[in-house]
């Protein structure tokens, strides 16, 4: 069902590739959920016992914090690049503050 790979995140420079990989994994998890729903609907249609797939829930719960952290890292990296390449006079400080506060809250 899932391809087994170990993803490491040890460099901000690799954030784009790492986020791409984790987004692909998130999509695979969602596709697996849809397949499970299809299976369960068919089982119900034929009066079969509904199958449970607790491994997917476990995988999703373990993966979710990692995925969220990488999203924050990606957003921070993208914003810092944008912010440092603009003159100070062009900065939207309220937006910057809002973004930073959001990232802090997501990390905690």
PDB file of N, CA and C in Angstrom:
ATOM      1  N   UNK A   1       0.828  -1.186   0.000  1.00  0.00           N
ATOM      2  CA  UNK A   1       0.000   0.000   0.000  1.00  0.00           C
ATOM      3  C   UNK A   1       0.873   1.250   0.000  1.00  0.00           C
ATOM      4  N   UNK A   2       1.857   1.306   0.874  1.00  0.00           N
ATOM      5  CA  UNK A   2       2.722   2.473   0.967  1.00  0.00           C
ATOM      6  C   UNK A   2       4.148   2.077   0.625  1.00  0.00           C
ATOM      7  N   UNK A   3       4.822   2.954  -0.044  1.00  0.00           N
ATOM      8  CA  UNK A   3       6.239   2.774  -0.302  1.00  0.00           C
ATOM      9  C   UNK A   3       6.989   3.157   0.963  1.00  0.00           C
ATOM     10  N   UNK A   4       7.901   2.308   1.393  1.00  0.00           N
ATOM     11  CA  UNK A   4       8.647   2.587   2.609  1.00  0.00           C
ATOM     12  C   UNK A   4       9.902   3.370   2.253  1.00  0.00           C
ATOM     13  N   UNK A   5       9.996   4.569   2.811  1.00  0.00           N
ATOM     14  CA  UNK A   5      11.179   5.419   2.640  1.00  0.00           C
ATOM     15  C   UNK A   5      11.417   6.146   3.935  1.00  0.00           C
ATOM     16  N   UNK A   6      12.650   6.435   4.173  1.00  0.00           N
ATOM     17  CA  UNK A   6      12.990   7.234   5.340  1.00  0.00           C
ATOM     18  C   UNK A   6      13.348   8.626   4.840  1.00  0.00           C
ATOM     19  N   UNK A   7      12.600   9.602   5.332  1.00  0.00           N
ATOM     20  CA  UNK A   7      12.866  10.991   4.968  1.00  0.00           C
ATOM     21  C   UNK A   7      13.640  11.648   6.094  1.00  0.00           C
ATOM     22  N   UNK A   8      14.665  12.344   5.747  1.00  0.00           N
ATOM     23  CA  UNK A   8      15.406  13.092   6.755  1.00  0.00           C
ATOM     24  C   UNK A   8      15.357  14.566   6.377  1.00  0.00           C
ATOM     25  N   UNK A   9      15.292  15.354   7.394  1.00  0.00           N
ATOM     26  CA  UNK A   9      15.293  16.793   7.190  1.00  0.00           C
ATOM     27  C   UNK A   9      16.411  17.347   8.053  1.00  0.00           C
ATOM     28  N   UNK A  10      17.512  17.674   7.406  1.00  0.00           N
ATOM     29  CA  UNK A  10      18.658  18.153   8.161  1.00  0.00           C
ATOM     30  C   UNK A  10      19.259  19.427   7.577  1.00  0.00           C
ATOM     31  N   UNK A  11      18.529  20.033   6.654  1.00  0.00           N
ATOM     32  CA  UNK A  11      19.053  21.242   6.045  1.00  0.00           C
ATOM     33  C   UNK A  11      17.904  22.091   5.522  1.00  0.00           C
ATOM     34  N   UNK A  12      17.923  23.364   5.846  1.00  0.00           N
ATOM     35  CA  UNK A  12      16.888  24.265   5.360  1.00  0.00           C
ATOM     36  C   UNK A  12      16.942  24.355   3.835  1.00  0.00           C
ATOM     37  N   UNK A  13      18.126  24.190   3.261  1.00  0.00           N
ATOM     38  CA  UNK A  13      18.260  24.265   1.811  1.00  0.00           C
ATOM     39  C   UNK A  13      17.476  23.157   1.113  1.00  0.00           C
ATOM     40  N   UNK A  14      17.227  22.044   1.796  1.00  0.00           N
ATOM     41  CA  UNK A  14      16.503  20.930   1.181  1.00  0.00           C
ATOM     42  C   UNK A  14      15.015  20.964   1.496  1.00  0.00           C
ATOM     43  N   UNK A  15      14.535  22.049   2.084  1.00  0.00           N
ATOM     44  CA  UNK A  15      13.141  22.119   2.529  1.00  0.00           C
ATOM     45  C   UNK A  15      12.163  21.922   1.377  1.00  0.00           C
ATOM     46  N   UNK A  16      12.434  22.475   0.206  1.00  0.00           N
ATOM     47  CA  UNK A  16      11.500  22.340  -0.919  1.00  0.00           C
ATOM     48  C   UNK A  16      11.310  20.878  -1.307  1.00  0.00           C
ATOM     49  N   UNK A  17      12.407  20.132  -1.400  1.00  0.00           N
ATOM     50  CA  UNK A  17      12.311  18.716  -1.747  1.00  0.00           C
ATOM     51  C   UNK A  17      11.637  17.921  -0.634  1.00  0.00           C
ATOM     52  N   UNK A  18      11.965  18.241   0.602  1.00  0.00           N
ATOM     53  CA  UNK A  18      11.390  17.515   1.734  1.00  0.00           C
ATOM     54  C   UNK A  18       9.895  17.762   1.831  1.00  0.00           C
ATOM     55  N   UNK A  19       9.477  19.008   1.648  1.00  0.00           N
ATOM     56  CA  UNK A  19       8.050  19.324   1.688  1.00  0.00           C
ATOM     57  C   UNK A  19       7.328  18.630   0.536  1.00  0.00           C
ATOM     58  N   UNK A  20       7.933  18.580  -0.620  1.00  0.00           N
ATOM     59  CA  UNK A  20       7.329  17.885  -1.759  1.00  0.00           C
ATOM     60  C   UNK A  20       7.104  16.412  -1.405  1.00  0.00           C
ATOM     61  N   UNK A  21       8.103  15.777  -0.823  1.00  0.00           N
ATOM     62  CA  UNK A  21       7.980  14.374  -0.430  1.00  0.00           C
ATOM     63  C   UNK A  21       6.903  14.167   0.627  1.00  0.00           C
ATOM     64  N   UNK A  22       6.866  15.051   1.612  1.00  0.00           N
ATOM     65  CA  UNK A  22       5.866  14.880   2.675  1.00  0.00           C
ATOM     66  C   UNK A  22       4.459  15.173   2.160  1.00  0.00           C
ATOM     67  N   UNK A  23       4.317  16.105   1.234  1.00  0.00           N
ATOM     68  CA  UNK A  23       3.007  16.358   0.635  1.00  0.00           C
ATOM     69  C   UNK A  23       2.534  15.155  -0.182  1.00  0.00           C
ATOM     70  N   UNK A  24       3.477  14.500  -0.855  1.00  0.00           N
ATOM     71  CA  UNK A  24       3.133  13.286  -1.592  1.00  0.00           C
ATOM     72  C   UNK A  24       2.671  12.188  -0.632  1.00  0.00           C
ATOM     73  N   UNK A  25       3.353  12.062   0.491  1.00  0.00           N
ATOM     74  CA  UNK A  25       2.946  11.068   1.481  1.00  0.00           C
ATOM     75  C   UNK A  25       1.581  11.412   2.061  1.00  0.00           C
ATOM     76  N   UNK A  26       1.338  12.689   2.339  1.00  0.00           N
ATOM     77  CA  UNK A  26       0.027  13.121   2.836  1.00  0.00           C
ATOM     78  C   UNK A  26      -1.056  12.742   1.827  1.00  0.00           C
ATOM     79  N   UNK A  27      -0.791  12.951   0.548  1.00  0.00           N
ATOM     80  CA  UNK A  27      -1.753  12.600  -0.501  1.00  0.00           C
ATOM     81  C   UNK A  27      -1.979  11.083  -0.544  1.00  0.00           C
ATOM     82  N   UNK A  28      -0.938  10.300  -0.382  1.00  0.00           N
ATOM     83  CA  UNK A  28      -1.083   8.841  -0.368  1.00  0.00           C
ATOM     84  C   UNK A  28      -1.942   8.388   0.816  1.00  0.00           C
ATOM     85  N   UNK A  29      -1.766   9.033   1.955  1.00  0.00           N
ATOM     86  CA  UNK A  29      -2.583   8.701   3.132  1.00  0.00           C
ATOM     87  C   UNK A  29      -4.046   9.014   2.850  1.00  0.00           C
ATOM     88  N   UNK A  30      -4.305  10.152   2.234  1.00  0.00           N
ATOM     89  CA  UNK A  30      -5.682  10.530   1.921  1.00  0.00           C
ATOM     90  C   UNK A  30      -6.290   9.581   0.876  1.00  0.00           C
ATOM     91  N   UNK A  31      -5.499   9.178  -0.105  1.00  0.00           N
ATOM     92  CA  UNK A  31      -5.985   8.225  -1.101  1.00  0.00           C
ATOM     93  C   UNK A  31      -6.301   6.883  -0.448  1.00  0.00           C
ATOM     94  N   UNK A  32      -5.480   6.473   0.507  1.00  0.00           N
ATOM     95  CA  UNK A  32      -5.741   5.223   1.236  1.00  0.00           C
ATOM     96  C   UNK A  32      -7.047   5.332   2.021  1.00  0.00           C
ATOM     97  N   UNK A  33      -7.302   6.487   2.625  1.00  0.00           N
ATOM     98  CA  UNK A  33      -8.566   6.698   3.353  1.00  0.00           C
ATOM     99  C   UNK A  33      -9.769   6.560   2.420  1.00  0.00           C
ATOM    100  N   UNK A  34      -9.654   7.124   1.231  1.00  0.00           N
ATOM    101  CA  UNK A  34     -10.742   7.023   0.257  1.00  0.00           C
ATOM    102  C   UNK A  34     -10.972   5.571  -0.164  1.00  0.00           C
ATOM    103  N   UNK A  35      -9.887   4.826  -0.361  1.00  0.00           N
ATOM    104  CA  UNK A  35     -10.006   3.407  -0.710  1.00  0.00           C
ATOM    105  C   UNK A  35     -10.688   2.637   0.415  1.00  0.00           C
ATOM    106  N   UNK A  36     -10.323   2.928   1.635  1.00  0.00           N
ATOM    107  CA  UNK A  36     -10.935   2.262   2.791  1.00  0.00           C
ATOM    108  C   UNK A  36     -12.427   2.555   2.821  1.00  0.00           C
ATOM    109  N   UNK A  37     -12.790   3.804   2.558  1.00  0.00           N
ATOM    110  CA  UNK A  37     -14.214   4.152   2.523  1.00  0.00           C
ATOM    111  C   UNK A  37     -14.945   3.351   1.449  1.00  0.00           C
ATOM    112  N   UNK A  38     -14.314   3.210   0.283  1.00  0.00           N
ATOM    113  CA  UNK A  38     -14.912   2.412  -0.788  1.00  0.00           C
ATOM    114  C   UNK A  38     -15.081   0.963  -0.349  1.00  0.00           C
ATOM    115  N   UNK A  39     -14.035   0.393   0.238  1.00  0.00           N
ATOM    116  CA  UNK A  39     -14.106  -0.988   0.710  1.00  0.00           C
ATOM    117  C   UNK A  39     -15.221  -1.153   1.733  1.00  0.00           C
ATOM    118  N   UNK A  40     -15.286  -0.214   2.675  1.00  0.00           N
ATOM    119  CA  UNK A  40     -16.305  -0.299   3.723  1.00  0.00           C
ATOM    120  C   UNK A  40     -17.723  -0.167   3.155  1.00  0.00           C
ATOM    121  N   UNK A  41     -17.893   0.694   2.164  1.00  0.00           N
ATOM    122  CA  UNK A  41     -19.206   0.835   1.527  1.00  0.00           C
ATOM    123  C   UNK A  41     -19.601  -0.463   0.828  1.00  0.00           C
ATOM    124  N   UNK A  42     -18.655  -1.101   0.161  1.00  0.00           N
ATOM    125  CA  UNK A  42     -18.939  -2.374  -0.507  1.00  0.00           C
ATOM    126  C   UNK A  42     -19.246  -3.462   0.515  1.00  0.00           C
ATOM    127  N   UNK A  43     -18.480  -3.481   1.589  1.00  0.00           N
ATOM    128  CA  UNK A  43     -18.747  -4.469   2.644  1.00  0.00           C
ATOM    129  C   UNK A  43     -20.151  -4.279   3.204  1.00  0.00           C
ATOM    130  N   UNK A  44     -20.529  -3.034   3.419  1.00  0.00           N
ATOM    131  CA  UNK A  44     -21.853  -2.730   3.949  1.00  0.00           C
ATOM    132  C   UNK A  44     -22.943  -3.132   2.949  1.00  0.00           C
ATOM    133  N   UNK A  45     -22.707  -2.860   1.680  1.00  0.00           N
ATOM    134  CA  UNK A  45     -23.666  -3.219   0.641  1.00  0.00           C
ATOM    135  C   UNK A  45     -23.935  -4.726   0.632  1.00  0.00           C
ATOM    136  N   UNK A  46     -22.882  -5.519   0.854  1.00  0.00           N
ATOM    137  CA  UNK A  46     -23.017  -6.973   0.830  1.00  0.00           C
ATOM    138  C   UNK A  46     -23.182  -7.568   2.230  1.00  0.00           C
ATOM    139  N   UNK A  47     -23.563  -6.716   3.178  1.00  0.00           N
ATOM    140  CA  UNK A  47     -23.824  -7.146   4.562  1.00  0.00           C
ATOM    141  C   UNK A  47     -22.635  -7.887   5.169  1.00  0.00           C
ATOM    142  N   UNK A  48     -21.458  -7.436   4.836  1.00  0.00           N
ATOM    143  CA  UNK A  48     -20.240  -8.002   5.393  1.00  0.00           C
ATOM    144  C   UNK A  48     -19.802  -7.179   6.603  1.00  0.00           C
ATOM    145  N   UNK A  49     -18.984  -7.798   7.439  1.00  0.00           N
ATOM    146  CA  UNK A  49     -18.426  -7.065   8.574  1.00  0.00           C
ATOM    147  C   UNK A  49     -17.499  -5.972   8.032  1.00  0.00           C
ATOM    148  N   UNK A  50     -17.639  -4.783   8.588  1.00  0.00           N
ATOM    149  CA  UNK A  50     -16.823  -3.645   8.150  1.00  0.00           C
ATOM    150  C   UNK A  50     -15.392  -3.841   8.649  1.00  0.00           C
ATOM    151  N   UNK A  51     -14.443  -3.778   7.711  1.00  0.00           N
ATOM    152  CA  UNK A  51     -13.027  -3.932   8.059  1.00  0.00           C
ATOM    153  C   UNK A  51     -12.491  -2.644   8.667  1.00  0.00           C
ATOM    154  N   UNK A  52     -11.597  -2.794   9.586  1.00  0.00           N
ATOM    155  CA  UNK A  52     -10.934  -1.649  10.199  1.00  0.00           C
ATOM    156  C   UNK A  52      -9.466  -1.667   9.789  1.00  0.00           C
ATOM    157  N   UNK A  53      -8.916  -0.505   9.696  1.00  0.00           N
ATOM    158  CA  UNK A  53      -7.526  -0.347   9.279  1.00  0.00           C
ATOM    159  C   UNK A  53      -6.809   0.581  10.270  1.00  0.00           C
ATOM    160  N   UNK A  54      -6.555   0.102  11.479  1.00  0.00           N
ATOM    161  CA  UNK A  54      -5.953   0.970  12.496  1.00  0.00           C
ATOM    162  C   UNK A  54      -4.526   1.401  12.155  1.00  0.00           C
ATOM    163  N   UNK A  55      -3.859   0.650  11.294  1.00  0.00           N
ATOM    164  CA  UNK A  55      -2.488   1.021  10.923  1.00  0.00           C
ATOM    165  C   UNK A  55      -2.455   2.380  10.234  1.00  0.00           C
ATOM    166  N   UNK A  56      -3.478   2.661   9.443  1.00  0.00           N
ATOM    167  CA  UNK A  56      -3.516   3.951   8.749  1.00  0.00           C
ATOM    168  C   UNK A  56      -3.694   5.093   9.735  1.00  0.00           C
ATOM    169  N   UNK A  57      -4.559   4.898  10.720  1.00  0.00           N
ATOM    170  CA  UNK A  57      -4.746   5.936  11.740  1.00  0.00           C
ATOM    171  C   UNK A  57      -3.460   6.164  12.516  1.00  0.00           C
ATOM    172  N   UNK A  58      -2.771   5.068  12.856  1.00  0.00           N
ATOM    173  CA  UNK A  58      -1.501   5.181  13.578  1.00  0.00           C
ATOM    174  C   UNK A  58      -0.472   5.930  12.738  1.00  0.00           C
ATOM    175  N   UNK A  59      -0.363   5.551  11.476  1.00  0.00           N
ATOM    176  CA  UNK A  59       0.574   6.220  10.570  1.00  0.00           C
ATOM    177  C   UNK A  59       0.261   7.699  10.464  1.00  0.00           C
ATOM    178  N   UNK A  60      -1.011   8.018  10.302  1.00  0.00           N
ATOM    179  CA  UNK A  60      -1.419   9.419  10.155  1.00  0.00           C
ATOM    180  C   UNK A  60      -1.105  10.216  11.414  1.00  0.00           C
ATOM    181  N   UNK A  61      -1.381   9.655  12.583  1.00  0.00           N
ATOM    182  CA  UNK A  61      -1.104  10.352  13.844  1.00  0.00           C
ATOM    183  C   UNK A  61       0.392  10.573  14.046  1.00  0.00           C
ATOM    184  N   UNK A  62       1.209   9.612  13.633  1.00  0.00           N
ATOM    185  CA  UNK A  62       2.661   9.766  13.772  1.00  0.00           C
ATOM    186  C   UNK A  62       3.223  10.746  12.749  1.00  0.00           C
ATOM    187  N   UNK A  63       2.639  10.769  11.577  1.00  0.00           N
ATOM    188  CA  UNK A  63       3.143  11.600  10.491  1.00  0.00           C
ATOM    189  C   UNK A  63       2.714  13.058  10.607  1.00  0.00           C
ATOM    190  N   UNK A  64       1.525  13.298  11.150  1.00  0.00           N
ATOM    191  CA  UNK A  64       0.940  14.637  11.162  1.00  0.00           C
ATOM    192  C   UNK A  64       1.836  15.715  11.788  1.00  0.00           C
ATOM    193  N   UNK A  65       2.419  15.502  12.974  1.00  0.00           N
ATOM    194  CA  UNK A  65       3.273  16.561  13.536  1.00  0.00           C
ATOM    195  C   UNK A  65       4.487  16.878  12.654  1.00  0.00           C
ATOM    196  N   UNK A  66       5.067  15.847  12.061  1.00  0.00           N
ATOM    197  CA  UNK A  66       6.208  16.038  11.164  1.00  0.00           C
ATOM    198  C   UNK A  66       5.787  16.864   9.954  1.00  0.00           C
ATOM    199  N   UNK A  67       4.644  16.533   9.381  1.00  0.00           N
ATOM    200  CA  UNK A  67       4.138  17.256   8.217  1.00  0.00           C
ATOM    201  C   UNK A  67       3.864  18.719   8.550  1.00  0.00           C
ATOM    202  N   UNK A  68       3.223  18.957   9.692  1.00  0.00           N
ATOM    203  CA  UNK A  68       2.923  20.332  10.094  1.00  0.00           C
ATOM    204  C   UNK A  68       4.192  21.136  10.341  1.00  0.00           C
ATOM    205  N   UNK A  69       5.181  20.516  10.984  1.00  0.00           N
ATOM    206  CA  UNK A  69       6.445  21.199  11.241  1.00  0.00           C
ATOM    207  C   UNK A  69       7.135  21.572   9.930  1.00  0.00           C
ATOM    208  N   UNK A  70       7.131  20.666   8.974  1.00  0.00           N
ATOM    209  CA  UNK A  70       7.766  20.965   7.695  1.00  0.00           C
ATOM    210  C   UNK A  70       7.014  22.051   6.930  1.00  0.00           C
ATOM    211  N   UNK A  71       5.693  22.083   7.060  1.00  0.00           N
ATOM    212  CA  UNK A  71       4.936  23.175   6.443  1.00  0.00           C
ATOM    213  C   UNK A  71       5.350  24.515   7.045  1.00  0.00           C
ATOM    214  N   UNK A  72       5.497  24.548   8.358  1.00  0.00           N
ATOM    215  CA  UNK A  72       5.932  25.789   9.013  1.00  0.00           C
ATOM    216  C   UNK A  72       7.336  26.156   8.537  1.00  0.00           C
ATOM    217  N   UNK A  73       8.246  25.192   8.505  1.00  0.00           N
ATOM    218  CA  UNK A  73       9.618  25.464   8.057  1.00  0.00           C
ATOM    219  C   UNK A  73       9.635  25.993   6.626  1.00  0.00           C
ATOM    220  N   UNK A  74       8.814  25.403   5.774  1.00  0.00           N
ATOM    221  CA  UNK A  74       8.726  25.861   4.383  1.00  0.00           C
ATOM    222  C   UNK A  74       8.201  27.295   4.318  1.00  0.00           C
ATOM    223  N   UNK A  75       7.132  27.575   5.075  1.00  0.00           N
ATOM    224  CA  UNK A  75       6.559  28.931   5.081  1.00  0.00           C
ATOM    225  C   UNK A  75       7.536  29.953   5.642  1.00  0.00           C
ATOM    226  N   UNK A  76       8.248  29.581   6.695  1.00  0.00           N
ATOM    227  CA  UNK A  76       9.253  30.482   7.268  1.00  0.00           C
ATOM    228  C   UNK A  76      10.339  30.768   6.243  1.00  0.00           C
ATOM    229  N   UNK A  77      10.853  29.717   5.634  1.00  0.00           N
ATOM    230  CA  UNK A  77      11.931  29.877   4.662  1.00  0.00           C
ATOM    231  C   UNK A  77      11.487  30.738   3.478  1.00  0.00           C
ATOM    232  N   UNK A  78      10.286  30.486   2.971  1.00  0.00           N
ATOM    233  CA  UNK A  78       9.775  31.270   1.838  1.00  0.00           C
ATOM    234  C   UNK A  78       9.590  32.734   2.219  1.00  0.00           C
ATOM    235  N   UNK A  79       9.017  32.956   3.387  1.00  0.00           N
ATOM    236  CA  UNK A  79       8.769  34.329   3.828  1.00  0.00           C
ATOM    237  C   UNK A  79      10.069  35.070   4.110  1.00  0.00           C
ATOM    238  N   UNK A  80      11.018  34.392   4.748  1.00  0.00           N
ATOM    239  CA  UNK A  80      12.297  35.054   5.023  1.00  0.00           C
ATOM    240  C   UNK A  80      12.995  35.461   3.736  1.00  0.00           C
ATOM    241  N   UNK A  81      12.931  34.595   2.743  1.00  0.00           N
ATOM    242  CA  UNK A  81      13.526  34.925   1.453  1.00  0.00           C
ATOM    243  C   UNK A  81      12.853  36.157   0.857  1.00  0.00           C
ATOM    244  N   UNK A  82      11.536  36.168   0.908  1.00  0.00           N
ATOM    245  CA  UNK A  82      10.786  37.306   0.373  1.00  0.00           C
ATOM    246  C   UNK A  82      11.084  38.581   1.167  1.00  0.00           C
ATOM    247  N   UNK A  83      11.070  38.468   2.493  1.00  0.00           N
ATOM    248  CA  UNK A  83      11.264  39.637   3.343  1.00  0.00           C
ATOM    249  C   UNK A  83      12.665  40.223   3.216  1.00  0.00           C
ATOM    250  N   UNK A  84      13.663  39.375   3.082  1.00  0.00           N
ATOM    251  CA  UNK A  84      15.037  39.878   3.022  1.00  0.00           C
ATOM    252  C   UNK A  84      15.404  40.413   1.645  1.00  0.00           C
ATOM    253  N   UNK A  85      14.560  40.158   0.657  1.00  0.00           N
ATOM    254  CA  UNK A  85      14.841  40.662  -0.690  1.00  0.00           C
ATOM    255  C   UNK A  85      14.019  41.902  -1.038  1.00  0.00           C
ATOM    256  N   UNK A  86      13.355  42.468  -0.040  1.00  0.00           N
ATOM    257  CA  UNK A  86      12.575  43.686  -0.254  1.00  0.00           C
ATOM    258  C   UNK A  86      13.138  44.804   0.613  1.00  0.00           C
ATOM    259  N   UNK A  87      13.028  46.029   0.143  1.00  0.00           N
ATOM    260  CA  UNK A  87      13.444  47.150   0.990  1.00  0.00           C
ATOM    261  C   UNK A  87      12.569  47.228   2.244  1.00  0.00           C
ATOM    262  N   UNK A  88      13.136  47.701   3.327  1.00  0.00           N
ATOM    263  CA  UNK A  88      12.383  47.822   4.582  1.00  0.00           C
ATOM    264  C   UNK A  88      11.121  48.662   4.421  1.00  0.00           C
ATOM    265  N   UNK A  89      11.180  49.662   3.597  1.00  0.00           N
ATOM    266  CA  UNK A  89      10.025  50.543   3.416  1.00  0.00           C
ATOM    267  C   UNK A  89       8.836  49.813   2.780  1.00  0.00           C
ATOM    268  N   UNK A  90       9.100  48.723   2.083  1.00  0.00           N
ATOM    269  CA  UNK A  90       8.035  47.972   1.403  1.00  0.00           C
ATOM    270  C   UNK A  90       7.456  46.842   2.256  1.00  0.00           C
ATOM    271  N   UNK A  91       7.954  46.677   3.446  1.00  0.00           N
ATOM    272  CA  UNK A  91       7.520  45.561   4.294  1.00  0.00           C
ATOM    273  C   UNK A  91       6.144  45.815   4.894  1.00  0.00           C
ATOM    274  N   UNK A  92       5.365  44.762   4.985  1.00  0.00           N
ATOM    275  CA  UNK A  92       4.065  44.808   5.653  1.00  0.00           C
ATOM    276  C   UNK A  92       4.280  44.187   7.034  1.00  0.00           C
ATOM    277  N   UNK A  93       4.580  45.026   8.014  1.00  0.00           N
ATOM    278  CA  UNK A  93       4.976  44.538   9.334  1.00  0.00           C
ATOM    279  C   UNK A  93       3.843  43.831  10.071  1.00  0.00           C
ATOM    280  N   UNK A  94       2.625  44.269   9.856  1.00  0.00           N
ATOM    281  CA  UNK A  94       1.497  43.597  10.502  1.00  0.00           C
ATOM    282  C   UNK A  94       1.350  42.179   9.975  1.00  0.00           C
ATOM    283  N   UNK A  95       1.505  42.023   8.678  1.00  0.00           N
ATOM    284  CA  UNK A  95       1.448  40.696   8.068  1.00  0.00           C
ATOM    285  C   UNK A  95       2.601  39.824   8.567  1.00  0.00           C
ATOM    286  N   UNK A  96       3.775  40.416   8.690  1.00  0.00           N
ATOM    287  CA  UNK A  96       4.928  39.684   9.195  1.00  0.00           C
ATOM    288  C   UNK A  96       4.666  39.196  10.622  1.00  0.00           C
ATOM    289  N   UNK A  97       4.158  40.079  11.460  1.00  0.00           N
ATOM    290  CA  UNK A  97       3.875  39.721  12.843  1.00  0.00           C
ATOM    291  C   UNK A  97       2.820  38.618  12.919  1.00  0.00           C
ATOM    292  N   UNK A  98       1.792  38.747  12.110  1.00  0.00           N
ATOM    293  CA  UNK A  98       0.738  37.730  12.080  1.00  0.00           C
ATOM    294  C   UNK A  98       1.307  36.375  11.674  1.00  0.00           C
ATOM    295  N   UNK A  99       2.133  36.364  10.649  1.00  0.00           N
ATOM    296  CA  UNK A  99       2.747  35.111  10.187  1.00  0.00           C
ATOM    297  C   UNK A  99       3.624  34.497  11.263  1.00  0.00           C
ATOM    298  N   UNK A 100       4.454  35.300  11.881  1.00  0.00           N
ATOM    299  CA  UNK A 100       5.360  34.798  12.918  1.00  0.00           C
ATOM    300  C   UNK A 100       4.571  34.243  14.093  1.00  0.00           C
ATOM    301  N   UNK A 101       3.536  34.947  14.532  1.00  0.00           N
ATOM    302  CA  UNK A 101       2.715  34.450  15.640  1.00  0.00           C
ATOM    303  C   UNK A 101       2.017  33.141  15.276  1.00  0.00           C
ATOM    304  N   UNK A 102       1.562  33.035  14.043  1.00  0.00           N
ATOM    305  CA  UNK A 102       0.919  31.792  13.585  1.00  0.00           C
ATOM    306  C   UNK A 102       1.916  30.638  13.618  1.00  0.00           C
ATOM    307  N   UNK A 103       3.138  30.875  13.147  1.00  0.00           N
ATOM    308  CA  UNK A 103       4.155  29.824  13.151  1.00  0.00           C
ATOM    309  C   UNK A 103       4.486  29.376  14.570  1.00  0.00           C
ATOM    310  N   UNK A 104       4.585  30.339  15.462  1.00  0.00           N
ATOM    311  CA  UNK A 104       4.885  30.000  16.865  1.00  0.00           C
ATOM    312  C   UNK A 104       3.768  29.128  17.436  1.00  0.00           C
ATOM    313  N   UNK A 105       2.523  29.519  17.184  1.00  0.00           N
ATOM    314  CA  UNK A 105       1.394  28.736  17.696  1.00  0.00           C
ATOM    315  C   UNK A 105       1.370  27.333  17.094  1.00  0.00           C
ATOM    316  N   UNK A 106       1.658  27.203  15.837  1.00  0.00           N
ATOM    317  CA  UNK A 106       1.653  25.876  15.206  1.00  0.00           C
ATOM    318  C   UNK A 106       2.762  24.993  15.751  1.00  0.00           C
ATOM    319  N   UNK A 107       3.878  25.603  16.122  1.00  0.00           N
ATOM    320  CA  UNK A 107       4.981  24.817  16.682  1.00  0.00           C
ATOM    321  C   UNK A 107       4.667  24.315  18.086  1.00  0.00           C
ATOM    322  N   UNK A 108       3.862  25.068  18.810  1.00  0.00           N
ATOM    323  CA  UNK A 108       3.516  24.651  20.170  1.00  0.00           C
ATOM    324  C   UNK A 108       2.198  23.928  20.176  1.00  0.00           C
TER     325      UNK A 108
END
